[in-house]
């Protein structure tokens, strides 16, 4: 669509694809992976996937406090919605038209006339602008500022038309801004009795959210369990991107304070679905009477999601972790192969760089287009960046832990560390003593073999469990030596990597740059990645970035799985035959499964 007074668009359609054609044409009826006639009704009871054991607010966007699991996805619609069987694409949800300018410096969205908030108000351009301005304000996570750093601003062009302007061409930004949550201007629009002024966003805590998504907040045991209730008048229920989804009348999310209580509650029938991250639990403890009768079923669902890069993160703001040789030596003491055999039931694969299982993953030595990005920074980069891609050390076959520890000793000597009186010490006689910070006692089992191997080098690594609130506080201020983070993967990395590894984020409290990486080379490569105007250029930048981060040893790779392990109640729940390749575990069930013999609460 071309509006009067605007320049012609490079792309004007019902959706937007990053590099190629959209899978689903204009006028499609529903996504392939849903049951378009799935019955509505019934209840899905599941357990929270978050590490927090409570919640204290309904606002998922502010800095302080913890919001209930899944709230943002269930309550807040966005301009575009993605498909679970397609990468790098978004289809109109709140918007029915997306138009990208020929110079890629702006994208225009036209809102649907039918879009409504839960209170019945229409979703207007002013609400989109309010949401953007609020997310870019002082009371929300700094990750929004980083991800949107190339957005110059948002213009209201009409009652239902907005245009995002960009500072530089970036193919991903239309998807980024199209995926932002949109909430009503009326949410929290009250006078603060203490100041006499309109509430600032950080004071919008337990005000009932006014979104436009398929669910609202229902019964709540505050700080414990929460039930989301399907809106029978949901404005988008018949749109192609929503048909066959949001089938449960109620989604109840239960919170348990420890893994044992959670598992026993599943076996007792207290809820219907649980995703498992522990290979030991899955192999040895997911059993019992309800499994024997077939009421509860164990399902392993293969996916094609990126591996992600779950890792030990080394805080390079602190010595001795600011020395690359020390960081590499610490990684050499991880005996993953032994752990996978003895502790993980051979259920995992080792993480391989930032972009494993995607086209962004580098192979072998740098190709000419990668070298073109790396060469200007040769003097500032580890020499290994220009050789074969980093692979984590192994301890099987012709490799051994003994050889790895010898290599680690050599690196530590080069860095000025030597064993004296049974401890590894620097030239001043100070011992190398590090702290591994975690939010649960259960992490001790996994980190103990690494602690034991480091002790052979004379390195003391202490396990320090703290409650989750303190853990969050220390992470926000980067007050730690080593932590473990399960980073999600992506096929289309973009500006979010500036939050993870950018120099500015390294100095910004509560950013995602836990490692403290601060490299002009990394900054430049991320810019090239986000500004790429061809897929080849994009892939070259991704691969160059992966080489630099991996060979800098900011992260020690952990492990990943290529399946979602879920136990579910087959007597209460029905599901599509196949899981779409890019579905994320329990959210697939929340989005597309339905209740057997549902009790209907009524449709409008």
Protein backbone atom coordinates (compact mmCIF):
# COMPACT_ATOMS: atom_id res chain seq x y z
CA UNK A 1 0.00 0.00 0.00
CA UNK A 2 1.27 3.51 -0.82
CA UNK A 3 -0.24 6.44 1.04
CA UNK A 4 -0.62 9.89 -0.47
CA UNK A 5 2.39 12.07 0.20
CA UNK A 6 4.72 9.19 1.06
CA UNK A 7 7.55 7.81 -1.02
CA UNK A 8 6.99 4.42 -2.66
CA UNK A 9 7.88 1.44 -0.51
CA UNK A 10 10.47 -1.22 -1.13
CA UNK A 11 8.20 -3.61 0.75
CA UNK A 12 4.48 -3.18 1.35
CA UNK A 13 2.59 -6.29 2.38
CA UNK A 14 0.75 -8.29 5.03
CA UNK A 15 4.08 -9.17 6.62
CA UNK A 16 7.82 -8.72 6.37
CA UNK A 17 10.63 -11.19 5.62
CA UNK A 18 14.22 -10.49 6.52
CA UNK A 19 15.89 -11.88 3.40
CA UNK A 20 13.43 -13.57 1.10
CA UNK A 21 9.81 -14.31 0.41
CA UNK A 22 7.24 -14.87 3.10
CA UNK A 23 6.17 -18.49 3.47
CA UNK A 24 2.49 -17.59 3.90
CA UNK A 25 0.89 -15.51 1.11
CA UNK A 26 -1.54 -12.66 1.54
CA UNK A 27 -4.94 -14.12 2.36
CA UNK A 28 -3.62 -17.28 4.07
CA UNK A 29 -6.14 -18.87 6.43
CA UNK A 30 -3.98 -20.15 9.28
CA UNK A 31 -0.48 -21.34 10.10
CA UNK A 32 0.21 -24.94 9.01
CA UNK A 33 1.09 -26.20 12.48
CA UNK A 34 -2.20 -25.36 14.24
CA UNK A 35 -5.53 -27.18 14.40
CA UNK A 36 -7.82 -24.45 13.05
CA UNK A 37 -10.90 -26.13 14.52
CA UNK A 38 -9.41 -26.91 17.93
CA UNK A 39 -12.14 -26.66 20.57
CA UNK A 40 -12.03 -23.79 23.03
CA UNK A 41 -12.39 -24.44 26.74
CA UNK A 42 -10.82 -26.31 29.61
CA UNK A 43 -7.71 -25.51 31.60
CA UNK A 44 -3.98 -25.97 31.18
CA UNK A 45 -2.14 -26.26 34.48
CA UNK A 46 1.61 -25.97 34.28
CA UNK A 47 4.59 -25.01 36.35
CA UNK A 48 6.53 -21.77 36.03
CA UNK A 49 9.67 -22.01 33.91
CA UNK A 50 11.34 -19.18 35.80
CA UNK A 51 13.95 -19.56 38.53
CA UNK A 52 12.10 -17.12 40.77
CA UNK A 53 9.88 -18.67 43.44
CA UNK A 54 7.48 -15.72 43.70
CA UNK A 55 6.26 -12.59 41.93
CA UNK A 56 5.49 -9.15 43.25
CA UNK A 57 4.19 -7.12 40.31
CA UNK A 58 2.14 -7.27 37.11
CA UNK A 59 4.42 -4.97 35.12
CA UNK A 60 6.97 -7.10 33.22
CA UNK A 61 8.84 -4.12 31.78
CA UNK A 62 10.13 -2.25 34.84
CA UNK A 63 13.48 -2.81 36.49
CA UNK A 64 12.53 -3.71 40.04
CA UNK A 65 10.67 -6.79 41.12
CA UNK A 66 9.55 -9.98 39.41
CA UNK A 67 6.51 -10.45 37.18
CA UNK A 68 4.64 -13.76 36.74
CA UNK A 69 5.85 -16.17 34.08
CA UNK A 70 4.42 -15.78 30.55
CA UNK A 71 2.53 -12.57 31.38
CA UNK A 72 4.01 -10.47 28.60
CA UNK A 73 3.34 -13.01 25.85
CA UNK A 74 -0.23 -13.72 26.91
CA UNK A 75 -1.42 -10.17 27.61
CA UNK A 76 0.34 -7.92 25.12
CA UNK A 77 -0.02 -8.09 21.36
CA UNK A 78 2.49 -6.52 18.98
CA UNK A 79 2.31 -5.05 15.50
CA UNK A 80 3.68 -8.24 13.94
CA UNK A 81 3.54 -11.90 14.98
CA UNK A 82 6.07 -14.57 14.05
CA UNK A 83 5.40 -18.08 12.78
CA UNK A 84 6.87 -21.12 14.55
CA UNK A 85 7.79 -22.78 11.25
CA UNK A 86 9.61 -19.85 9.63
CA UNK A 87 12.69 -17.81 10.42
CA UNK A 88 13.13 -14.07 10.06
CA UNK A 89 9.53 -13.21 9.25
CA UNK A 90 6.60 -11.44 10.86
CA UNK A 91 2.92 -11.23 9.87
CA UNK A 92 0.43 -8.52 10.65
CA UNK A 93 -1.27 -8.75 14.05
CA UNK A 94 -2.14 -5.29 15.37
CA UNK A 95 -1.02 -4.00 11.98
CA UNK A 96 -2.59 -5.07 8.70
CA UNK A 97 0.07 -3.45 6.50
CA UNK A 98 3.82 -2.98 6.85
CA UNK A 99 5.70 -0.74 4.40
CA UNK A 100 9.50 -0.46 4.33
CA UNK A 101 11.01 2.59 2.61
CA UNK A 102 13.35 2.01 -0.37
CA UNK A 103 16.32 3.38 1.61
CA UNK A 104 15.42 1.13 4.56
CA UNK A 105 15.52 4.14 6.86
CA UNK A 106 11.91 3.78 7.97
CA UNK A 107 9.02 1.37 8.27
CA UNK A 108 5.35 2.32 8.37
CA UNK A 109 2.62 0.29 10.03
CA UNK A 110 -1.12 0.69 9.53
CA UNK A 111 -3.16 -0.51 12.51
CA UNK A 112 -6.27 -2.62 12.06
CA UNK A 113 -9.57 -0.87 12.63
CA UNK A 114 -10.70 -3.86 14.71
CA UNK A 115 -7.75 -3.89 17.17
CA UNK A 116 -8.98 -3.44 20.74
CA UNK A 117 -7.55 -3.34 24.24
CA UNK A 118 -9.08 -5.38 27.05
CA UNK A 119 -11.05 -2.37 28.24
CA UNK A 120 -12.67 -2.00 24.82
CA UNK A 121 -10.67 1.01 23.70
CA UNK A 122 -9.32 0.92 20.13
CA UNK A 123 -5.58 0.42 19.68
CA UNK A 124 -4.41 3.68 18.15
CA UNK A 125 -1.17 5.16 16.89
CA UNK A 126 -0.92 7.19 20.10
CA UNK A 127 -0.80 3.93 22.10
CA UNK A 128 2.02 2.59 19.94
CA UNK A 129 3.99 5.78 20.48
CA UNK A 130 3.26 5.75 24.21
CA UNK A 131 4.51 2.15 24.46
CA UNK A 132 7.70 2.94 22.52
CA UNK A 133 8.42 6.11 24.49
CA UNK A 134 7.83 4.27 27.77
CA UNK A 135 10.12 1.37 26.87
CA UNK A 136 12.82 3.88 25.93
CA UNK A 137 12.31 5.79 29.17
CA UNK A 138 14.23 5.65 32.47
CA UNK A 139 12.14 3.01 34.23
CA UNK A 140 12.54 -0.01 31.94
CA UNK A 141 15.34 -2.46 31.26
CA UNK A 142 18.35 -0.91 29.49
CA UNK A 143 18.18 -3.80 27.04
CA UNK A 144 15.39 -1.93 25.22
CA UNK A 145 17.65 1.07 24.73
CA UNK A 146 20.40 -1.12 23.36
CA UNK A 147 18.18 -3.14 21.03
CA UNK A 148 16.52 0.04 19.77
CA UNK A 149 19.64 2.18 19.64
CA UNK A 150 19.37 2.51 15.84
CA UNK A 151 15.78 3.76 16.03
CA UNK A 152 15.74 7.52 15.53
CA UNK A 153 12.14 7.93 16.63
CA UNK A 154 8.49 7.20 16.01
CA UNK A 155 6.07 9.49 14.17
CA UNK A 156 2.30 9.42 14.41
CA UNK A 157 1.10 9.93 10.83
CA UNK A 158 -2.58 9.41 11.49
CA UNK A 159 -4.98 7.96 14.00
CA UNK A 160 -3.95 4.44 13.03
CA UNK A 161 -0.65 4.95 11.23
CA UNK A 162 2.86 5.09 12.70
CA UNK A 163 6.30 5.35 11.17
CA UNK A 164 9.51 4.25 12.84
CA UNK A 165 12.58 6.13 11.61
CA UNK A 166 16.02 4.51 11.68
CA UNK A 167 19.48 6.05 12.06
CA UNK A 168 20.97 3.67 9.49
CA UNK A 169 19.70 0.93 7.17
CA UNK A 170 19.03 -2.26 9.08
CA UNK A 171 17.01 -5.15 7.66
CA UNK A 172 16.14 -6.52 11.09
CA UNK A 173 14.69 -3.36 12.60
CA UNK A 174 11.22 -3.70 11.02
CA UNK A 175 10.92 -7.06 12.80
CA UNK A 176 12.39 -5.65 16.01
CA UNK A 177 9.99 -2.72 16.30
CA UNK A 178 7.15 -4.86 14.95
CA UNK A 179 7.67 -7.27 17.84
CA UNK A 180 7.54 -4.65 20.62
CA UNK A 181 4.68 -4.99 23.11
CA UNK A 182 1.91 -2.42 22.78
CA UNK A 183 -0.02 -1.35 25.86
CA UNK A 184 -2.72 1.20 26.54
CA UNK A 185 -2.06 4.78 27.55
CA UNK A 186 -4.70 4.22 30.22
CA UNK A 187 -2.56 1.63 32.05
CA UNK A 188 -1.44 3.34 35.24
CA UNK A 189 -2.92 6.67 34.15
CA UNK A 190 -3.55 7.86 37.69
CA UNK A 191 -2.38 10.61 39.98
CA UNK A 192 0.26 9.62 42.50
CA UNK A 193 -1.10 10.84 45.85
CA UNK A 194 2.44 11.42 47.13
CA UNK A 195 3.53 13.70 44.29
CA UNK A 196 0.26 14.98 42.86
CA UNK A 197 1.64 14.07 39.42
CA UNK A 198 0.77 11.32 36.95
CA UNK A 199 2.29 8.04 37.99
CA UNK A 200 5.73 7.37 36.59
CA UNK A 201 6.05 3.93 34.98
CA UNK A 202 8.05 2.50 37.88
CA UNK A 203 5.02 3.13 40.10
CA UNK A 204 2.81 1.04 37.81
CA UNK A 205 3.27 -2.16 39.80
CA UNK A 206 0.04 -4.01 40.56
CA UNK A 207 -2.22 -1.92 38.32
CA UNK A 208 -4.10 -4.43 36.16
CA UNK A 209 -2.36 -4.41 32.75
CA UNK A 210 -4.37 -3.11 29.81
CA UNK A 211 -3.12 -5.05 26.83
CA UNK A 212 -4.74 -6.46 23.73
CA UNK A 213 -3.63 -10.11 23.90
CA UNK A 214 -5.75 -13.27 24.09
CA UNK A 215 -5.62 -13.54 27.89
CA UNK A 216 -6.23 -11.39 30.94
CA UNK A 217 -5.17 -11.90 34.54
CA UNK A 218 -7.72 -13.99 36.44
CA UNK A 219 -7.58 -15.52 39.94
CA UNK A 220 -4.28 -14.92 41.73
CA UNK A 221 -2.66 -16.20 44.90
CA UNK A 222 -0.35 -13.24 44.96
CA UNK A 223 3.29 -14.22 44.94
CA UNK A 224 2.36 -17.87 44.35
CA UNK A 225 0.03 -19.07 41.59
CA UNK A 226 -1.61 -17.09 38.82
CA UNK A 227 -4.38 -17.94 36.37
CA UNK A 228 -4.70 -16.30 32.98
CA UNK A 229 -8.27 -16.25 31.65
CA UNK A 230 -8.99 -16.30 27.93
CA UNK A 231 -10.83 -13.24 26.69
CA UNK A 232 -13.84 -14.66 24.79
CA UNK A 233 -14.17 -11.33 23.00
CA UNK A 234 -10.50 -11.31 21.94
CA UNK A 235 -10.44 -9.04 18.93
CA UNK A 236 -7.92 -11.10 16.89
CA UNK A 237 -9.30 -14.60 17.48
CA UNK A 238 -10.25 -15.06 13.80
CA UNK A 239 -7.14 -13.52 12.25
CA UNK A 240 -4.93 -15.94 10.29
CA UNK A 241 -2.05 -15.46 12.76
CA UNK A 242 -4.31 -16.38 15.70
CA UNK A 243 -6.70 -19.00 14.33
CA UNK A 244 -6.25 -22.31 16.14
CA UNK A 245 -4.32 -20.72 19.02
CA UNK A 246 -5.18 -19.65 22.60
CA UNK A 247 -7.50 -22.63 22.98
CA UNK A 248 -7.59 -22.98 26.77
CA UNK A 249 -10.10 -20.94 28.73
CA UNK A 250 -7.70 -20.86 31.65
CA UNK A 251 -3.93 -21.21 31.92
CA UNK A 252 -2.84 -21.63 35.53
CA UNK A 253 0.85 -21.25 36.32
CA UNK A 254 1.93 -22.81 39.61
CA UNK A 255 5.11 -21.92 41.46
CA UNK A 256 7.10 -24.40 43.54
CA UNK A 257 10.15 -23.47 45.56
CA UNK A 258 12.27 -26.51 44.77
CA UNK A 259 12.63 -29.12 42.05
CA UNK A 260 11.65 -32.05 44.27
CA UNK A 261 8.32 -30.49 45.23
CA UNK A 262 7.66 -29.66 41.60
CA UNK A 263 8.30 -33.20 40.39
CA UNK A 264 6.22 -34.78 43.14
CA UNK A 265 3.36 -32.39 42.39
CA UNK A 266 3.41 -33.52 38.75
CA UNK A 267 3.24 -37.15 39.81
CA UNK A 268 0.37 -36.33 42.18
CA UNK A 269 -1.63 -34.78 39.34
CA UNK A 270 -1.48 -31.18 40.59
CA UNK A 271 -0.72 -29.91 37.10
CA UNK A 272 -0.69 -31.14 33.51
CA UNK A 273 2.59 -30.23 31.88
CA UNK A 274 6.20 -29.75 32.91
CA UNK A 275 9.33 -29.17 30.91
CA UNK A 276 12.51 -30.86 32.15
CA UNK A 277 16.02 -29.44 32.06
CA UNK A 278 17.68 -32.04 34.29
CA UNK A 279 18.90 -35.12 32.45
CA UNK A 280 19.06 -36.98 35.77
CA UNK A 281 15.44 -36.25 36.60
CA UNK A 282 14.35 -37.22 33.10
CA UNK A 283 16.24 -40.51 33.08
CA UNK A 284 15.65 -41.69 36.65
CA UNK A 285 12.85 -39.85 38.43
CA UNK A 286 10.12 -39.16 35.86
CA UNK A 287 8.12 -42.30 36.64
CA UNK A 288 5.35 -43.60 38.84
CA UNK A 289 1.76 -44.83 38.80
CA UNK A 290 0.37 -42.15 36.51
CA UNK A 291 3.10 -42.84 33.97
CA UNK A 292 2.40 -46.58 34.15
CA UNK A 293 -1.29 -46.06 33.35
CA UNK A 294 -0.54 -43.73 30.42
CA UNK A 295 -2.16 -40.73 32.07
CA UNK A 296 1.21 -38.98 32.14
CA UNK A 297 3.41 -39.29 29.07
CA UNK A 298 7.07 -38.45 28.52
CA UNK A 299 7.67 -36.71 25.22
CA UNK A 300 10.93 -35.69 23.56
CA UNK A 301 10.20 -33.23 20.78
CA UNK A 302 12.98 -32.56 18.28
CA UNK A 303 13.45 -28.98 17.17
CA UNK A 304 15.64 -26.95 14.84
CA UNK A 305 16.15 -24.10 17.22
CA UNK A 306 19.59 -22.55 17.47
CA UNK A 307 21.70 -24.18 20.17
CA UNK A 308 22.16 -20.97 22.07
CA UNK A 309 25.30 -20.57 24.10
CA UNK A 310 24.70 -21.63 27.68
CA UNK A 311 28.00 -20.80 29.32
CA UNK A 312 30.03 -20.03 32.35
CA UNK A 313 30.51 -16.26 32.11
CA UNK A 314 33.81 -14.77 33.27
CA UNK A 315 33.60 -11.18 34.50
CA UNK A 316 36.57 -9.53 32.80
CA UNK A 317 36.06 -6.33 34.80
CA UNK A 318 37.81 -8.14 37.67
CA UNK A 319 41.39 -9.40 37.85
CA UNK A 320 42.67 -12.00 37.17
CA UNK A 321 39.81 -12.63 34.72
CA UNK A 322 40.92 -9.61 32.69
CA UNK A 323 43.80 -11.78 31.40
CA UNK A 324 42.85 -13.91 28.38
CA UNK A 325 45.43 -16.55 29.34
CA UNK A 326 43.80 -17.04 32.72
CA UNK A 327 40.38 -17.33 31.13
CA UNK A 328 41.54 -19.94 28.64
CA UNK A 329 43.22 -21.92 31.42
CA UNK A 330 40.02 -22.03 33.44
CA UNK A 331 38.18 -23.43 30.43
CA UNK A 332 40.74 -26.18 30.00
CA UNK A 333 39.83 -27.54 33.43
CA UNK A 334 36.23 -28.34 32.43
CA UNK A 335 35.92 -32.07 31.71
CA UNK A 336 32.67 -32.03 29.75
CA UNK A 337 32.98 -35.56 28.34
CA UNK A 338 33.26 -37.05 31.85
CA UNK A 339 30.30 -34.98 33.04
CA UNK A 340 28.15 -36.03 30.09
CA UNK A 341 28.86 -39.71 30.77
CA UNK A 342 28.65 -39.70 34.54
CA UNK A 343 26.11 -36.97 35.28
CA UNK A 344 24.04 -36.19 32.17
CA UNK A 345 23.31 -39.71 30.83
CA UNK A 346 24.86 -38.67 27.49
CA UNK A 347 21.83 -36.45 26.93
CA UNK A 348 23.65 -33.30 25.86
CA UNK A 349 25.96 -31.89 23.23
CA UNK A 350 28.70 -29.34 23.90
CA UNK A 351 27.87 -25.77 22.98
CA UNK A 352 29.77 -24.69 19.88
CA UNK A 353 30.18 -20.92 19.77
CA UNK A 354 27.43 -18.32 19.69
CA UNK A 355 25.51 -19.60 16.69
CA UNK A 356 25.52 -23.39 16.78
CA UNK A 357 22.92 -25.13 14.62
CA UNK A 358 22.45 -22.05 12.41
CA UNK A 359 23.88 -20.72 9.15
CA UNK A 360 25.75 -18.11 11.19
CA UNK A 361 28.12 -20.71 12.68
CA UNK A 362 31.69 -20.32 11.34
CA UNK A 363 33.68 -23.27 10.06
CA UNK A 364 37.41 -23.76 9.56
CA UNK A 365 39.54 -20.70 8.90
CA UNK A 366 38.03 -17.28 8.11
CA UNK A 367 36.70 -16.86 4.57
CA UNK A 368 37.83 -13.77 2.59
CA UNK A 369 34.69 -11.79 3.48
CA UNK A 370 35.23 -12.56 7.17
CA UNK A 371 38.90 -11.57 6.95
CA UNK A 372 37.90 -8.26 5.41
CA UNK A 373 36.04 -7.47 8.63
CA UNK A 374 38.76 -8.79 10.94
CA UNK A 375 41.94 -7.44 9.34
CA UNK A 376 41.51 -3.78 10.38
CA UNK A 377 41.56 -4.96 13.99
CA UNK A 378 44.34 -7.56 13.78
CA UNK A 379 46.57 -5.85 16.37
CA UNK A 380 43.73 -5.73 18.90
CA UNK A 381 42.48 -9.29 18.43
CA UNK A 382 43.85 -12.61 19.72
CA UNK A 383 45.99 -14.17 16.97
CA UNK A 384 43.89 -17.35 17.18
CA UNK A 385 40.94 -15.43 15.66
CA UNK A 386 42.68 -15.66 12.28
CA UNK A 387 43.11 -19.43 12.49
CA UNK A 388 40.61 -22.32 12.72
CA UNK A 389 37.35 -21.68 14.58
CA UNK A 390 37.58 -22.32 18.30
CA UNK A 391 36.41 -25.69 19.53
CA UNK A 392 36.12 -26.48 23.25
CA UNK A 393 38.86 -28.79 24.59
CA UNK A 394 37.99 -32.47 24.74
CA UNK A 395 38.98 -35.28 27.08
CA UNK A 396 38.03 -38.31 24.97
CA UNK A 397 39.85 -40.30 22.31
CA UNK A 398 43.41 -39.06 21.91
CA UNK A 399 42.68 -36.10 24.21
CA UNK A 400 42.92 -36.20 28.00
CA UNK A 401 42.23 -34.01 30.99
CA UNK A 402 45.86 -34.41 32.00
CA UNK A 403 47.04 -32.83 28.74
CA UNK A 404 44.52 -30.02 29.09
CA UNK A 405 45.68 -29.25 32.62
CA UNK A 406 49.30 -29.18 31.47
CA UNK A 407 48.33 -26.64 28.82
CA UNK A 408 46.48 -24.65 31.49
CA UNK A 409 49.58 -24.64 33.72
CA UNK A 410 51.65 -23.27 30.86
CA UNK A 411 49.16 -20.46 30.21
CA UNK A 412 49.03 -19.55 33.89
CA UNK A 413 52.85 -19.40 34.07
CA UNK A 414 52.85 -17.06 31.06
CA UNK A 415 50.36 -14.88 32.92
CA UNK A 416 52.67 -14.67 35.95
CA UNK A 417 51.11 -17.29 38.21
CA UNK A 418 52.99 -20.11 39.94
CA UNK A 419 52.19 -22.69 42.61
CA UNK A 420 53.63 -21.84 46.03
CA UNK A 421 52.64 -23.60 49.26
CA UNK A 422 50.00 -25.59 47.40
CA UNK A 423 48.22 -22.50 45.99
CA UNK A 424 48.51 -20.72 42.68
CA UNK A 425 49.93 -17.26 43.40
CA UNK A 426 50.91 -14.15 41.47
CA UNK A 427 54.17 -12.21 41.82
CA UNK A 428 52.82 -10.47 44.94
CA UNK A 429 52.09 -13.82 46.57
CA UNK A 430 48.32 -13.39 46.33
CA UNK A 431 46.43 -16.67 45.74
CA UNK A 432 44.00 -17.08 42.85
CA UNK A 433 40.67 -17.32 44.60
CA UNK A 434 37.46 -17.00 42.60
CA UNK A 435 33.76 -17.20 43.41
CA UNK A 436 31.06 -18.96 41.41
CA UNK A 437 27.75 -17.24 42.14
CA UNK A 438 24.49 -19.16 41.80
CA UNK A 439 20.92 -18.79 42.98
CA UNK A 440 20.34 -22.36 44.11
CA UNK A 441 22.10 -25.08 46.10
CA UNK A 442 21.38 -27.53 43.28
CA UNK A 443 24.05 -25.94 41.09
CA UNK A 444 26.79 -27.26 43.36
CA UNK A 445 26.57 -30.77 41.93
CA UNK A 446 27.35 -29.61 38.40
CA UNK A 447 30.14 -27.20 39.28
CA UNK A 448 31.93 -29.52 41.76
CA UNK A 449 33.91 -31.48 39.12
CA UNK A 450 35.24 -28.19 37.72
CA UNK A 451 36.16 -27.01 41.22
CA UNK A 452 38.02 -30.28 41.77
CA UNK A 453 39.99 -29.95 38.52
CA UNK A 454 40.87 -26.32 39.22
CA UNK A 455 42.15 -27.34 42.62
CA UNK A 456 44.72 -29.51 40.83
CA UNK A 457 46.03 -26.29 39.30
CA UNK A 458 46.13 -24.57 42.67
CA UNK A 459 43.07 -22.45 41.86
CA UNK A 460 40.39 -22.03 44.52
CA UNK A 461 36.86 -21.73 43.11
CA UNK A 462 34.22 -21.27 45.82
CA UNK A 463 30.56 -22.08 45.21
CA UNK A 464 28.37 -19.29 46.59
CA UNK A 465 24.58 -19.86 46.53
CA UNK A 466 22.37 -16.87 47.32
CA UNK A 467 18.63 -16.25 47.15
CA UNK A 468 17.33 -15.16 43.77
CA UNK A 469 16.63 -11.56 44.76
CA UNK A 470 20.24 -11.05 45.87
CA UNK A 471 21.45 -12.95 42.82
CA UNK A 472 19.58 -10.54 40.53
CA UNK A 473 20.91 -7.56 42.45
CA UNK A 474 24.52 -8.70 42.14
CA UNK A 475 24.12 -9.45 38.44
CA UNK A 476 22.66 -6.01 37.80
CA UNK A 477 25.72 -4.42 39.39
CA UNK A 478 28.19 -6.98 37.88
CA UNK A 479 29.23 -7.98 41.41
CA UNK A 480 30.52 -11.48 40.68
CA UNK A 481 33.47 -13.41 39.28
CA UNK A 482 31.76 -16.29 37.49
CA UNK A 483 28.12 -17.09 36.80
CA UNK A 484 26.22 -19.45 34.52
CA UNK A 485 23.84 -18.04 31.92
CA UNK A 486 21.61 -19.95 29.47
CA UNK A 487 21.71 -17.58 26.50
CA UNK A 488 19.03 -18.21 23.92
CA UNK A 489 20.05 -18.74 20.33
CA UNK A 490 18.86 -17.01 17.19
CA UNK A 491 19.03 -17.46 13.45
CA UNK A 492 18.95 -13.69 12.99
CA UNK A 493 21.30 -12.00 15.45
CA UNK A 494 21.04 -8.23 15.53
CA UNK A 495 21.27 -5.23 17.81
CA UNK A 496 20.66 -7.34 20.92
CA UNK A 497 24.29 -8.48 20.62
CA UNK A 498 25.37 -4.93 21.41
CA UNK A 499 23.65 -5.46 24.76
CA UNK A 500 25.44 -8.78 25.25
CA UNK A 501 28.94 -7.79 24.11
CA UNK A 502 29.02 -4.06 23.28
CA UNK A 503 31.38 -1.58 24.96
CA UNK A 504 28.60 0.77 26.01
CA UNK A 505 26.64 -2.06 27.61
CA UNK A 506 29.75 -3.11 29.53
CA UNK A 507 29.49 0.19 31.43
CA UNK A 508 25.71 0.12 31.87
CA UNK A 509 24.32 -1.45 35.06
CA UNK A 510 21.60 -4.06 34.43
CA UNK A 511 22.70 -4.57 30.83
CA UNK A 512 23.18 -8.03 29.38
CA UNK A 513 26.96 -7.65 29.03
CA UNK A 514 27.84 -9.80 32.03
CA UNK A 515 31.30 -10.64 30.69
CA UNK A 516 32.35 -6.99 30.48
CA UNK A 517 33.50 -7.42 26.88
CA UNK A 518 34.58 -3.98 25.64
CA UNK A 519 36.25 -4.16 22.24
CA UNK A 520 36.11 -1.63 19.38
CA UNK A 521 36.44 -4.58 17.02
CA UNK A 522 33.35 -6.26 18.47
CA UNK A 523 31.42 -2.98 18.31
CA UNK A 524 32.34 -2.50 14.66
CA UNK A 525 31.47 -6.07 13.67
CA UNK A 526 28.09 -5.88 15.42
CA UNK A 527 27.36 -2.68 13.49
CA UNK A 528 28.24 -4.43 10.24
CA UNK A 529 26.01 -7.33 11.23
CA UNK A 530 23.02 -5.09 11.89
CA UNK A 531 23.58 -2.91 8.82
CA UNK A 532 24.20 -5.71 6.32
CA UNK A 533 22.18 -5.28 3.13
CA UNK A 534 22.87 -8.75 1.75
CA UNK A 535 22.58 -12.14 3.37
CA UNK A 536 26.20 -12.96 2.50
CA UNK A 537 27.39 -9.80 4.23
CA UNK A 538 25.23 -10.57 7.24
CA UNK A 539 26.59 -14.12 7.54
CA UNK A 540 30.18 -12.91 7.23
CA UNK A 541 29.68 -10.47 10.10
CA UNK A 542 27.97 -13.10 12.29
CA UNK A 543 30.81 -15.54 11.74
CA UNK A 544 33.46 -12.91 12.39
CA UNK A 545 31.75 -11.97 15.65
CA UNK A 546 31.57 -15.60 16.75
CA UNK A 547 35.30 -16.05 16.10
CA UNK A 548 36.24 -12.99 18.15
CA UNK A 549 34.01 -13.79 21.13
CA UNK A 550 34.95 -17.47 21.20
CA UNK A 551 38.71 -16.91 20.90
CA UNK A 552 38.59 -14.17 23.54
CA UNK A 553 37.41 -16.74 26.12
CA UNK A 554 34.83 -14.48 27.72
CA UNK A 555 32.63 -17.57 27.96
CA UNK A 556 33.30 -21.20 28.81
CA UNK A 557 30.83 -23.25 26.73
CA UNK A 558 28.51 -25.60 28.59
CA UNK A 559 25.98 -27.98 27.05
CA UNK A 560 22.72 -28.04 25.16
CA UNK A 561 19.98 -30.38 23.96
CA UNK A 562 18.29 -30.67 20.57
CA UNK A 563 14.95 -31.77 22.02
CA UNK A 564 12.33 -30.36 24.36
CA UNK A 565 11.71 -32.86 27.16
CA UNK A 566 8.15 -32.52 28.45
CA UNK A 567 5.91 -34.69 30.57
CA UNK A 568 2.20 -34.05 30.07
CA UNK A 569 -1.22 -35.40 30.96
CA UNK A 570 -2.45 -37.23 27.85
CA UNK A 571 -5.90 -37.77 29.38
CA UNK A 572 -6.53 -34.04 29.77
CA UNK A 573 -4.57 -32.54 26.90
CA UNK A 574 -4.60 -32.96 23.11
CA UNK A 575 -2.02 -31.58 20.72
CA UNK A 576 -1.15 -31.22 17.03
CA UNK A 577 0.69 -34.24 15.68
CA UNK A 578 3.98 -32.49 15.03
CA UNK A 579 5.78 -29.68 16.80
CA UNK A 580 6.82 -26.81 14.50
CA UNK A 581 10.61 -26.65 14.19
CA UNK A 582 11.12 -23.31 15.94
CA UNK A 583 8.74 -23.77 18.88
CA UNK A 584 10.02 -23.07 22.36
CA UNK A 585 8.87 -25.90 24.60
CA UNK A 586 5.91 -25.29 26.86
CA UNK A 587 4.91 -22.12 25.00
CA UNK A 588 4.03 -24.41 22.06
CA UNK A 589 1.55 -26.16 24.33
CA UNK A 590 0.14 -22.91 25.67
CA UNK A 591 -0.29 -21.57 22.15
CA UNK A 592 -1.60 -24.54 20.13
CA UNK A 593 -2.69 -27.46 22.35
CA UNK A 594 -6.28 -27.88 23.53
CA UNK A 595 -8.28 -29.63 26.25
CA UNK A 596 -9.85 -33.03 25.74
CA UNK A 597 -13.61 -32.84 26.47
CA UNK A 598 -13.32 -29.16 27.37
CA UNK A 599 -15.85 -27.42 29.55
CA UNK A 600 -16.87 -24.33 27.62
CA UNK A 601 -17.19 -21.00 29.31
CA UNK A 602 -18.94 -19.46 26.32
CA UNK A 603 -18.13 -17.40 23.26
CA UNK A 604 -19.50 -13.95 22.47
